[in-house]
């Protein structure tokens, strides 16, 4: 995989959206992220709703996530 952000624990809005431990976060709203700092920056810039590109097993999926 090309991602480096592996979800270890999940709660709150991410859990409600279906993000699972072991998912690999590849991008936010079409922008690739490789660190937790890049993820936080992209989420702040996105506003109230983001689309996470996640790799789960052999599939890449988009998960819509509503931020508080």
C-alpha atoms as a PDB file:
ATOM      1  CA  UNK A   1       0.000   0.000   0.000  1.00  0.00           C
ATOM      2  CA  UNK A   2       1.019   3.605  -0.442  1.00  0.00           C
ATOM      3  CA  UNK A   3      -0.441   4.885   2.827  1.00  0.00           C
ATOM      4  CA  UNK A   4       1.263   5.218   6.160  1.00  0.00           C
ATOM      5  CA  UNK A   5      -1.675   6.158   8.394  1.00  0.00           C
ATOM      6  CA  UNK A   6      -3.059   2.954   9.852  1.00  0.00           C
ATOM      7  CA  UNK A   7      -6.097   3.330  12.109  1.00  0.00           C
ATOM      8  CA  UNK A   8      -5.429   1.646  15.443  1.00  0.00           C
ATOM      9  CA  UNK A   9      -8.442   2.800  17.453  1.00  0.00           C
ATOM     10  CA  UNK A  10     -11.546   4.619  16.341  1.00  0.00           C
ATOM     11  CA  UNK A  11     -14.373   6.436  18.101  1.00  0.00           C
ATOM     12  CA  UNK A  12     -16.671   9.428  17.677  1.00  0.00           C
ATOM     13  CA  UNK A  13     -17.658  10.571  14.183  1.00  0.00           C
ATOM     14  CA  UNK A  14     -15.130   8.290  12.479  1.00  0.00           C
ATOM     15  CA  UNK A  15     -16.598   5.203  14.151  1.00  0.00           C
ATOM     16  CA  UNK A  16     -20.123   6.330  13.262  1.00  0.00           C
ATOM     17  CA  UNK A  17     -19.044   6.737   9.621  1.00  0.00           C
ATOM     18  CA  UNK A  18     -17.690   3.187   9.491  1.00  0.00           C
ATOM     19  CA  UNK A  19     -13.933   3.686   9.838  1.00  0.00           C
ATOM     20  CA  UNK A  20     -12.447   0.504  11.321  1.00  0.00           C
ATOM     21  CA  UNK A  21      -9.192  -0.414  13.058  1.00  0.00           C
ATOM     22  CA  UNK A  22      -6.728  -1.589  10.428  1.00  0.00           C
ATOM     23  CA  UNK A  23      -8.030   0.820   7.765  1.00  0.00           C
ATOM     24  CA  UNK A  24      -5.313   2.818   6.025  1.00  0.00           C
ATOM     25  CA  UNK A  25      -6.111   6.491   5.417  1.00  0.00           C
ATOM     26  CA  UNK A  26      -4.811   7.489   2.001  1.00  0.00           C
ATOM     27  CA  UNK A  27      -6.399  10.901   1.491  1.00  0.00           C
ATOM     28  CA  UNK A  28      -8.883  13.580   2.470  1.00  0.00           C
ATOM     29  CA  UNK A  29     -11.129  15.198  -0.166  1.00  0.00           C
ATOM     30  CA  UNK A  30      -8.867  14.022  -2.968  1.00  0.00           C
ATOM     31  CA  UNK A  31      -5.617  15.166  -1.324  1.00  0.00           C
ATOM     32  CA  UNK A  32      -3.127  12.452  -0.363  1.00  0.00           C
ATOM     33  CA  UNK A  33      -2.005  12.485   3.273  1.00  0.00           C
ATOM     34  CA  UNK A  34       1.010  10.687   4.700  1.00  0.00           C
ATOM     35  CA  UNK A  35       1.112  11.906   8.293  1.00  0.00           C
ATOM     36  CA  UNK A  36      -1.304  12.687  11.090  1.00  0.00           C
ATOM     37  CA  UNK A  37      -0.348  16.370  10.783  1.00  0.00           C
ATOM     38  CA  UNK A  38      -1.311  16.359   7.079  1.00  0.00           C
ATOM     39  CA  UNK A  39      -4.574  14.606   7.968  1.00  0.00           C
ATOM     40  CA  UNK A  40      -5.452  17.208  10.602  1.00  0.00           C
ATOM     41  CA  UNK A  41      -4.545  20.091   8.287  1.00  0.00           C
ATOM     42  CA  UNK A  42      -6.660  18.712   5.437  1.00  0.00           C
ATOM     43  CA  UNK A  43      -9.613  18.075   7.754  1.00  0.00           C
ATOM     44  CA  UNK A  44      -9.478  21.626   9.151  1.00  0.00           C
ATOM     45  CA  UNK A  45      -9.382  23.098   5.640  1.00  0.00           C
ATOM     46  CA  UNK A  46     -12.326  20.945   4.506  1.00  0.00           C
ATOM     47  CA  UNK A  47     -14.986  22.313   6.814  1.00  0.00           C
ATOM     48  CA  UNK A  48     -17.769  20.212   8.321  1.00  0.00           C
ATOM     49  CA  UNK A  49     -17.749  17.238   5.935  1.00  0.00           C
ATOM     50  CA  UNK A  50     -14.820  15.327   4.473  1.00  0.00           C
ATOM     51  CA  UNK A  51     -14.440  12.296   2.242  1.00  0.00           C
ATOM     52  CA  UNK A  52     -11.739   9.959   3.510  1.00  0.00           C
ATOM     53  CA  UNK A  53     -10.088   7.687   0.970  1.00  0.00           C
ATOM     54  CA  UNK A  54      -9.412   4.476   2.856  1.00  0.00           C
ATOM     55  CA  UNK A  55      -7.783   1.227   1.903  1.00  0.00           C
ATOM     56  CA  UNK A  56      -9.457  -1.754   3.538  1.00  0.00           C
ATOM     57  CA  UNK A  57      -8.017  -5.131   2.624  1.00  0.00           C
ATOM     58  CA  UNK A  58      -7.712  -5.053  -1.198  1.00  0.00           C
ATOM     59  CA  UNK A  59     -10.262  -2.284  -1.797  1.00  0.00           C
ATOM     60  CA  UNK A  60     -10.067   1.499  -1.765  1.00  0.00           C
ATOM     61  CA  UNK A  61     -13.282   3.166  -0.581  1.00  0.00           C
ATOM     62  CA  UNK A  62     -14.498   6.674   0.197  1.00  0.00           C
ATOM     63  CA  UNK A  63     -16.035   7.195   3.610  1.00  0.00           C
ATOM     64  CA  UNK A  64     -18.017  10.435   4.128  1.00  0.00           C
ATOM     65  CA  UNK A  65     -17.316  11.870   7.558  1.00  0.00           C
ATOM     66  CA  UNK A  66     -19.175  14.696   9.280  1.00  0.00           C
ATOM     67  CA  UNK A  67     -16.899  16.599  11.655  1.00  0.00           C
ATOM     68  CA  UNK A  68     -18.116  18.255  14.857  1.00  0.00           C
END
